[in-house]
């Protein structure tokens, strides 16, 4: 397991795991099994692919980098011994650095939906419209669920502890509204395309590019 350098890309999934571990250990020393349980309990698994290997790799990398340290082992009943970790002073400083840089970084996050949109031209408008309409219905259900959860839990746990869900809600509402316009345009014919025509027009452009390169 390689060390995690200060200048490492904070947008990488590996760094997301490392940050999650550091933030948990700022609360108190704990072992990886407890970290995993708390992530599930707090729904952090909705942002991180909750695989035991990823968690243990993050712990190993942080340990080698000196951002966390072992403080002993614990055992309950006949279960195996579990190593307990705590955050170091360097780890506490790294938390603030990573969060600050991540908050200020503007980037296009990759998602399966964005990738699918990038290749949407390979469906016809008649094929794409009902699928996007179905996604819009699913978004409406997700929006209602988030609104209910925020209304129920914010008075109990505080707005700051649900601020990321508030952000998700804004994005889902915007996408829901945008999809409504896109689907309507596909159905009334104002947004249309023909893959055969697009590919045919691309061939002469490629030929001209090859001729210029050959000169």
C-alpha atoms as a PDB file:
ATOM      1  CA  UNK A   1       0.000   0.000   0.000  1.00  0.00           C
ATOM      2  CA  UNK A   2       1.531   3.306  -1.093  1.00  0.00           C
ATOM      3  CA  UNK A   3       1.551   6.420   1.025  1.00  0.00           C
ATOM      4  CA  UNK A   4      -1.045   9.135   0.482  1.00  0.00           C
ATOM      5  CA  UNK A   5       0.852  12.311  -0.480  1.00  0.00           C
ATOM      6  CA  UNK A   6      -0.458  15.757   0.566  1.00  0.00           C
ATOM      7  CA  UNK A   7      -0.911  16.784  -3.067  1.00  0.00           C
ATOM      8  CA  UNK A   8      -2.867  13.647  -4.012  1.00  0.00           C
ATOM      9  CA  UNK A   9      -5.970  14.201  -6.110  1.00  0.00           C
ATOM     10  CA  UNK A  10      -8.733  14.693  -3.570  1.00  0.00           C
ATOM     11  CA  UNK A  11     -11.347  13.881  -6.205  1.00  0.00           C
ATOM     12  CA  UNK A  12     -10.269  10.247  -6.521  1.00  0.00           C
ATOM     13  CA  UNK A  13     -12.368   7.491  -4.902  1.00  0.00           C
ATOM     14  CA  UNK A  14      -9.302   6.411  -2.892  1.00  0.00           C
ATOM     15  CA  UNK A  15      -9.077   9.861  -1.317  1.00  0.00           C
ATOM     16  CA  UNK A  16     -12.817   9.873  -0.572  1.00  0.00           C
ATOM     17  CA  UNK A  17     -12.361   6.694   1.455  1.00  0.00           C
ATOM     18  CA  UNK A  18      -9.330   8.135   3.244  1.00  0.00           C
ATOM     19  CA  UNK A  19     -11.216  11.313   4.149  1.00  0.00           C
ATOM     20  CA  UNK A  20     -14.180   9.309   5.472  1.00  0.00           C
ATOM     21  CA  UNK A  21     -11.859   7.285   7.729  1.00  0.00           C
ATOM     22  CA  UNK A  22     -10.073  10.389   9.041  1.00  0.00           C
ATOM     23  CA  UNK A  23     -13.367  12.110   9.825  1.00  0.00           C
ATOM     24  CA  UNK A  24     -14.611   9.089  11.767  1.00  0.00           C
ATOM     25  CA  UNK A  25     -11.392   8.904  13.748  1.00  0.00           C
ATOM     26  CA  UNK A  26     -11.693  12.580  14.675  1.00  0.00           C
ATOM     27  CA  UNK A  27     -14.717  11.501  16.729  1.00  0.00           C
ATOM     28  CA  UNK A  28     -12.849   8.813  18.673  1.00  0.00           C
ATOM     29  CA  UNK A  29     -10.463   5.882  18.184  1.00  0.00           C
ATOM     30  CA  UNK A  30     -12.156   2.872  16.589  1.00  0.00           C
ATOM     31  CA  UNK A  31     -11.514  -0.270  14.582  1.00  0.00           C
ATOM     32  CA  UNK A  32     -12.427  -0.715  10.890  1.00  0.00           C
ATOM     33  CA  UNK A  33     -15.449  -2.890  11.639  1.00  0.00           C
ATOM     34  CA  UNK A  34     -16.963  -0.061  13.702  1.00  0.00           C
ATOM     35  CA  UNK A  35     -16.121   2.440  10.953  1.00  0.00           C
ATOM     36  CA  UNK A  36     -17.973   0.293   8.446  1.00  0.00           C
ATOM     37  CA  UNK A  37     -20.981  -0.033  10.762  1.00  0.00           C
ATOM     38  CA  UNK A  38     -21.164   3.728  11.324  1.00  0.00           C
ATOM     39  CA  UNK A  39     -20.892   4.425   7.596  1.00  0.00           C
ATOM     40  CA  UNK A  40     -23.894   2.201   6.957  1.00  0.00           C
ATOM     41  CA  UNK A  41     -25.809   3.608   9.913  1.00  0.00           C
ATOM     42  CA  UNK A  42     -25.229   7.176   8.699  1.00  0.00           C
ATOM     43  CA  UNK A  43     -25.928   6.304   5.054  1.00  0.00           C
ATOM     44  CA  UNK A  44     -22.383   7.200   3.993  1.00  0.00           C
ATOM     45  CA  UNK A  45     -22.510   4.039   1.882  1.00  0.00           C
ATOM     46  CA  UNK A  46     -24.730   6.000  -0.510  1.00  0.00           C
ATOM     47  CA  UNK A  47     -21.664   8.072  -1.478  1.00  0.00           C
ATOM     48  CA  UNK A  48     -18.968   5.438  -1.119  1.00  0.00           C
ATOM     49  CA  UNK A  49     -19.093   1.970  -2.602  1.00  0.00           C
ATOM     50  CA  UNK A  50     -19.044   0.171   0.724  1.00  0.00           C
ATOM     51  CA  UNK A  51     -16.554  -2.627   0.148  1.00  0.00           C
ATOM     52  CA  UNK A  52     -14.507  -3.957   3.023  1.00  0.00           C
ATOM     53  CA  UNK A  53     -11.390  -4.009   0.837  1.00  0.00           C
ATOM     54  CA  UNK A  54     -11.633  -0.297   0.062  1.00  0.00           C
ATOM     55  CA  UNK A  55     -11.961   0.565   3.741  1.00  0.00           C
ATOM     56  CA  UNK A  56      -8.990  -1.556   4.804  1.00  0.00           C
ATOM     57  CA  UNK A  57      -6.880  -0.219   1.923  1.00  0.00           C
ATOM     58  CA  UNK A  58      -7.654   3.326   3.051  1.00  0.00           C
ATOM     59  CA  UNK A  59      -6.687   2.463   6.635  1.00  0.00           C
ATOM     60  CA  UNK A  60      -3.418   0.881   5.476  1.00  0.00           C
ATOM     61  CA  UNK A  61      -2.548   3.907   3.331  1.00  0.00           C
ATOM     62  CA  UNK A  62      -3.313   6.367   6.129  1.00  0.00           C
ATOM     63  CA  UNK A  63      -1.271   4.306   8.586  1.00  0.00           C
ATOM     64  CA  UNK A  64       1.742   4.246   6.262  1.00  0.00           C
ATOM     65  CA  UNK A  65       1.417   7.992   5.666  1.00  0.00           C
ATOM     66  CA  UNK A  66       1.437   8.697   9.412  1.00  0.00           C
ATOM     67  CA  UNK A  67      -2.054  10.208   9.367  1.00  0.00           C
ATOM     68  CA  UNK A  68      -3.404   7.564  11.763  1.00  0.00           C
ATOM     69  CA  UNK A  69      -1.758   5.225  14.263  1.00  0.00           C
ATOM     70  CA  UNK A  70      -2.542   2.020  16.117  1.00  0.00           C
ATOM     71  CA  UNK A  71      -3.521   2.337  19.768  1.00  0.00           C
ATOM     72  CA  UNK A  72      -4.187  -1.295  20.656  1.00  0.00           C
ATOM     73  CA  UNK A  73      -6.600  -4.130  20.015  1.00  0.00           C
ATOM     74  CA  UNK A  74     -10.029  -5.051  21.273  1.00  0.00           C
ATOM     75  CA  UNK A  75     -11.943  -8.308  21.390  1.00  0.00           C
ATOM     76  CA  UNK A  76     -15.551  -9.201  22.137  1.00  0.00           C
ATOM     77  CA  UNK A  77     -16.495 -12.745  22.982  1.00  0.00           C
ATOM     78  CA  UNK A  78     -15.019 -15.291  20.614  1.00  0.00           C
ATOM     79  CA  UNK A  79     -14.513 -12.775  17.813  1.00  0.00           C
ATOM     80  CA  UNK A  80     -11.019 -12.106  16.415  1.00  0.00           C
ATOM     81  CA  UNK A  81      -8.920  -9.294  17.827  1.00  0.00           C
ATOM     82  CA  UNK A  82      -9.557  -5.974  16.100  1.00  0.00           C
ATOM     83  CA  UNK A  83      -6.952  -3.238  15.773  1.00  0.00           C
ATOM     84  CA  UNK A  84      -8.061   0.166  17.046  1.00  0.00           C
ATOM     85  CA  UNK A  85      -6.762   3.295  15.293  1.00  0.00           C
ATOM     86  CA  UNK A  86      -6.697   6.977  16.168  1.00  0.00           C
ATOM     87  CA  UNK A  87      -5.997  10.072  14.094  1.00  0.00           C
ATOM     88  CA  UNK A  88      -2.659  11.868  14.454  1.00  0.00           C
ATOM     89  CA  UNK A  89      -2.000  15.614  14.481  1.00  0.00           C
ATOM     90  CA  UNK A  90      -0.916  15.345  10.844  1.00  0.00           C
ATOM     91  CA  UNK A  91      -4.169  13.556  10.062  1.00  0.00           C
ATOM     92  CA  UNK A  92      -6.240  16.306  11.642  1.00  0.00           C
ATOM     93  CA  UNK A  93      -4.423  18.886   9.527  1.00  0.00           C
ATOM     94  CA  UNK A  94      -4.964  16.790   6.406  1.00  0.00           C
ATOM     95  CA  UNK A  95      -8.732  16.654   7.014  1.00  0.00           C
ATOM     96  CA  UNK A  96      -9.011  20.436   6.881  1.00  0.00           C
ATOM     97  CA  UNK A  97      -6.740  20.617   3.823  1.00  0.00           C
ATOM     98  CA  UNK A  98      -8.674  17.991   1.857  1.00  0.00           C
ATOM     99  CA  UNK A  99     -12.117  19.376   2.707  1.00  0.00           C
ATOM    100  CA  UNK A 100     -11.027  22.912   1.806  1.00  0.00           C
ATOM    101  CA  UNK A 101      -9.633  21.823  -1.561  1.00  0.00           C
ATOM    102  CA  UNK A 102     -12.631  19.617  -2.383  1.00  0.00           C
ATOM    103  CA  UNK A 103     -15.088  22.408  -1.588  1.00  0.00           C
ATOM    104  CA  UNK A 104     -13.260  24.794  -3.919  1.00  0.00           C
ATOM    105  CA  UNK A 105     -12.677  22.356  -6.787  1.00  0.00           C
ATOM    106  CA  UNK A 106     -15.063  22.688  -9.725  1.00  0.00           C
ATOM    107  CA  UNK A 107     -15.167  19.547 -11.845  1.00  0.00           C
ATOM    108  CA  UNK A 108     -17.618  17.471 -13.813  1.00  0.00           C
ATOM    109  CA  UNK A 109     -18.319  14.358 -11.804  1.00  0.00           C
ATOM    110  CA  UNK A 110     -18.539  11.193 -13.859  1.00  0.00           C
ATOM    111  CA  UNK A 111     -21.775   9.240 -13.470  1.00  0.00           C
ATOM    112  CA  UNK A 112     -23.382   6.437 -15.446  1.00  0.00           C
ATOM    113  CA  UNK A 113     -26.186   8.831 -16.392  1.00  0.00           C
ATOM    114  CA  UNK A 114     -23.730  11.371 -17.821  1.00  0.00           C
ATOM    115  CA  UNK A 115     -21.951   8.633 -19.773  1.00  0.00           C
ATOM    116  CA  UNK A 116     -25.284   7.390 -21.129  1.00  0.00           C
ATOM    117  CA  UNK A 117     -26.234  10.937 -22.202  1.00  0.00           C
ATOM    118  CA  UNK A 118     -22.908  11.185 -24.018  1.00  0.00           C
ATOM    119  CA  UNK A 119     -24.041   8.228 -26.155  1.00  0.00           C
ATOM    120  CA  UNK A 120     -27.732   9.106 -26.329  1.00  0.00           C
ATOM    121  CA  UNK A 121     -27.448   9.619 -30.083  1.00  0.00           C
ATOM    122  CA  UNK A 122     -27.369   5.816 -30.474  1.00  0.00           C
ATOM    123  CA  UNK A 123     -31.040   5.679 -29.446  1.00  0.00           C
ATOM    124  CA  UNK A 124     -33.833   7.234 -31.432  1.00  0.00           C
ATOM    125  CA  UNK A 125     -35.892  10.016 -29.813  1.00  0.00           C
ATOM    126  CA  UNK A 126     -38.805   7.557 -29.676  1.00  0.00           C
ATOM    127  CA  UNK A 127     -36.630   5.107 -27.736  1.00  0.00           C
ATOM    128  CA  UNK A 128     -35.032   7.689 -25.452  1.00  0.00           C
ATOM    129  CA  UNK A 129     -38.109   9.697 -24.447  1.00  0.00           C
ATOM    130  CA  UNK A 130     -39.954   6.978 -22.459  1.00  0.00           C
ATOM    131  CA  UNK A 131     -36.766   5.934 -20.660  1.00  0.00           C
ATOM    132  CA  UNK A 132     -36.026   9.524 -19.624  1.00  0.00           C
ATOM    133  CA  UNK A 133     -39.659   9.997 -18.605  1.00  0.00           C
ATOM    134  CA  UNK A 134     -39.349   6.918 -16.400  1.00  0.00           C
ATOM    135  CA  UNK A 135     -36.172   8.354 -14.871  1.00  0.00           C
ATOM    136  CA  UNK A 136     -38.080  11.571 -14.190  1.00  0.00           C
ATOM    137  CA  UNK A 137     -40.743   9.637 -12.297  1.00  0.00           C
ATOM    138  CA  UNK A 138     -38.042   7.904 -10.242  1.00  0.00           C
ATOM    139  CA  UNK A 139     -36.506  11.293  -9.486  1.00  0.00           C
ATOM    140  CA  UNK A 140     -39.877  12.589  -8.293  1.00  0.00           C
ATOM    141  CA  UNK A 141     -40.071   9.704  -5.824  1.00  0.00           C
ATOM    142  CA  UNK A 142     -36.488  10.329  -4.673  1.00  0.00           C
ATOM    143  CA  UNK A 143     -37.212  14.040  -4.223  1.00  0.00           C
ATOM    144  CA  UNK A 144     -40.258  13.288  -2.096  1.00  0.00           C
ATOM    145  CA  UNK A 145     -38.203  10.891   0.021  1.00  0.00           C
ATOM    146  CA  UNK A 146     -35.426  13.441   0.601  1.00  0.00           C
ATOM    147  CA  UNK A 147     -37.925  16.190   1.429  1.00  0.00           C
ATOM    148  CA  UNK A 148     -39.577  13.937   3.991  1.00  0.00           C
ATOM    149  CA  UNK A 149     -36.259  12.854   5.496  1.00  0.00           C
ATOM    150  CA  UNK A 150     -35.023  16.452   5.773  1.00  0.00           C
ATOM    151  CA  UNK A 151     -38.264  17.604   7.372  1.00  0.00           C
ATOM    152  CA  UNK A 152     -38.158  14.713   9.848  1.00  0.00           C
ATOM    153  CA  UNK A 153     -34.481  14.597  10.764  1.00  0.00           C
ATOM    154  CA  UNK A 154     -33.248  18.199  10.497  1.00  0.00           C
ATOM    155  CA  UNK A 155     -34.868  19.289  13.800  1.00  0.00           C
ATOM    156  CA  UNK A 156     -33.291  16.278  15.506  1.00  0.00           C
ATOM    157  CA  UNK A 157     -29.739  16.149  14.100  1.00  0.00           C
ATOM    158  CA  UNK A 158     -29.276  19.689  12.786  1.00  0.00           C
ATOM    159  CA  UNK A 159     -29.149  21.072   9.283  1.00  0.00           C
ATOM    160  CA  UNK A 160     -25.354  20.881   8.957  1.00  0.00           C
ATOM    161  CA  UNK A 161     -25.417  17.100   9.384  1.00  0.00           C
ATOM    162  CA  UNK A 162     -27.755  16.785   6.402  1.00  0.00           C
ATOM    163  CA  UNK A 163     -26.300  19.536   4.236  1.00  0.00           C
ATOM    164  CA  UNK A 164     -25.119  17.054   1.594  1.00  0.00           C
ATOM    165  CA  UNK A 165     -28.686  15.767   1.210  1.00  0.00           C
ATOM    166  CA  UNK A 166     -29.889  19.328   0.791  1.00  0.00           C
ATOM    167  CA  UNK A 167     -27.365  19.613  -2.063  1.00  0.00           C
ATOM    168  CA  UNK A 168     -28.607  16.345  -3.579  1.00  0.00           C
ATOM    169  CA  UNK A 169     -32.165  17.620  -3.393  1.00  0.00           C
ATOM    170  CA  UNK A 170     -31.288  20.782  -5.316  1.00  0.00           C
ATOM    171  CA  UNK A 171     -29.575  18.739  -8.045  1.00  0.00           C
ATOM    172  CA  UNK A 172     -32.439  16.245  -8.293  1.00  0.00           C
ATOM    173  CA  UNK A 173     -35.019  19.030  -8.569  1.00  0.00           C
ATOM    174  CA  UNK A 174     -32.986  20.708 -11.331  1.00  0.00           C
ATOM    175  CA  UNK A 175     -32.582  17.447 -13.242  1.00  0.00           C
ATOM    176  CA  UNK A 176     -36.280  16.655 -12.836  1.00  0.00           C
ATOM    177  CA  UNK A 177     -37.212  20.028 -14.325  1.00  0.00           C
ATOM    178  CA  UNK A 178     -34.671  19.684 -17.163  1.00  0.00           C
ATOM    179  CA  UNK A 179     -35.837  16.177 -18.041  1.00  0.00           C
ATOM    180  CA  UNK A 180     -39.400  17.452 -18.307  1.00  0.00           C
ATOM    181  CA  UNK A 181     -38.308  19.918 -21.004  1.00  0.00           C
ATOM    182  CA  UNK A 182     -36.123  17.380 -22.831  1.00  0.00           C
ATOM    183  CA  UNK A 183     -38.816  14.714 -22.955  1.00  0.00           C
ATOM    184  CA  UNK A 184     -41.407  17.237 -24.167  1.00  0.00           C
ATOM    185  CA  UNK A 185     -39.049  18.396 -26.942  1.00  0.00           C
ATOM    186  CA  UNK A 186     -38.388  14.811 -28.039  1.00  0.00           C
ATOM    187  CA  UNK A 187     -42.102  14.092 -28.173  1.00  0.00           C
ATOM    188  CA  UNK A 188     -43.061  17.252 -30.101  1.00  0.00           C
ATOM    189  CA  UNK A 189     -40.175  16.825 -32.564  1.00  0.00           C
ATOM    190  CA  UNK A 190     -38.236  19.975 -31.668  1.00  0.00           C
ATOM    191  CA  UNK A 191     -35.348  17.791 -30.426  1.00  0.00           C
ATOM    192  CA  UNK A 192     -34.605  15.091 -32.930  1.00  0.00           C
ATOM    193  CA  UNK A 193     -31.665  13.379 -34.606  1.00  0.00           C
ATOM    194  CA  UNK A 194     -30.827  10.605 -37.031  1.00  0.00           C
ATOM    195  CA  UNK A 195     -27.720   8.538 -36.292  1.00  0.00           C
ATOM    196  CA  UNK A 196     -27.303   7.524 -39.947  1.00  0.00           C
ATOM    197  CA  UNK A 197     -27.196  11.152 -41.036  1.00  0.00           C
ATOM    198  CA  UNK A 198     -24.759  12.045 -38.244  1.00  0.00           C
ATOM    199  CA  UNK A 199     -22.417   9.200 -39.179  1.00  0.00           C
ATOM    200  CA  UNK A 200     -22.673  10.014 -42.871  1.00  0.00           C
ATOM    201  CA  UNK A 201     -21.741  13.660 -42.296  1.00  0.00           C
ATOM    202  CA  UNK A 202     -18.842  12.586 -40.081  1.00  0.00           C
ATOM    203  CA  UNK A 203     -17.202  10.489 -42.812  1.00  0.00           C
ATOM    204  CA  UNK A 204     -16.287  13.421 -45.125  1.00  0.00           C
ATOM    205  CA  UNK A 205     -14.908  15.329 -42.134  1.00  0.00           C
ATOM    206  CA  UNK A 206     -12.656  12.375 -41.246  1.00  0.00           C
ATOM    207  CA  UNK A 207     -11.514  12.098 -44.851  1.00  0.00           C
ATOM    208  CA  UNK A 208     -10.562  15.788 -44.989  1.00  0.00           C
ATOM    209  CA  UNK A 209      -8.671  15.420 -41.717  1.00  0.00           C
ATOM    210  CA  UNK A 210      -6.700  12.444 -43.075  1.00  0.00           C
ATOM    211  CA  UNK A 211      -5.787  14.338 -46.261  1.00  0.00           C
ATOM    212  CA  UNK A 212      -4.510  17.311 -44.250  1.00  0.00           C
ATOM    213  CA  UNK A 213      -2.460  14.987 -42.031  1.00  0.00           C
ATOM    214  CA  UNK A 214      -0.930  13.235 -45.060  1.00  0.00           C
ATOM    215  CA  UNK A 215       0.324  16.492 -46.584  1.00  0.00           C
END
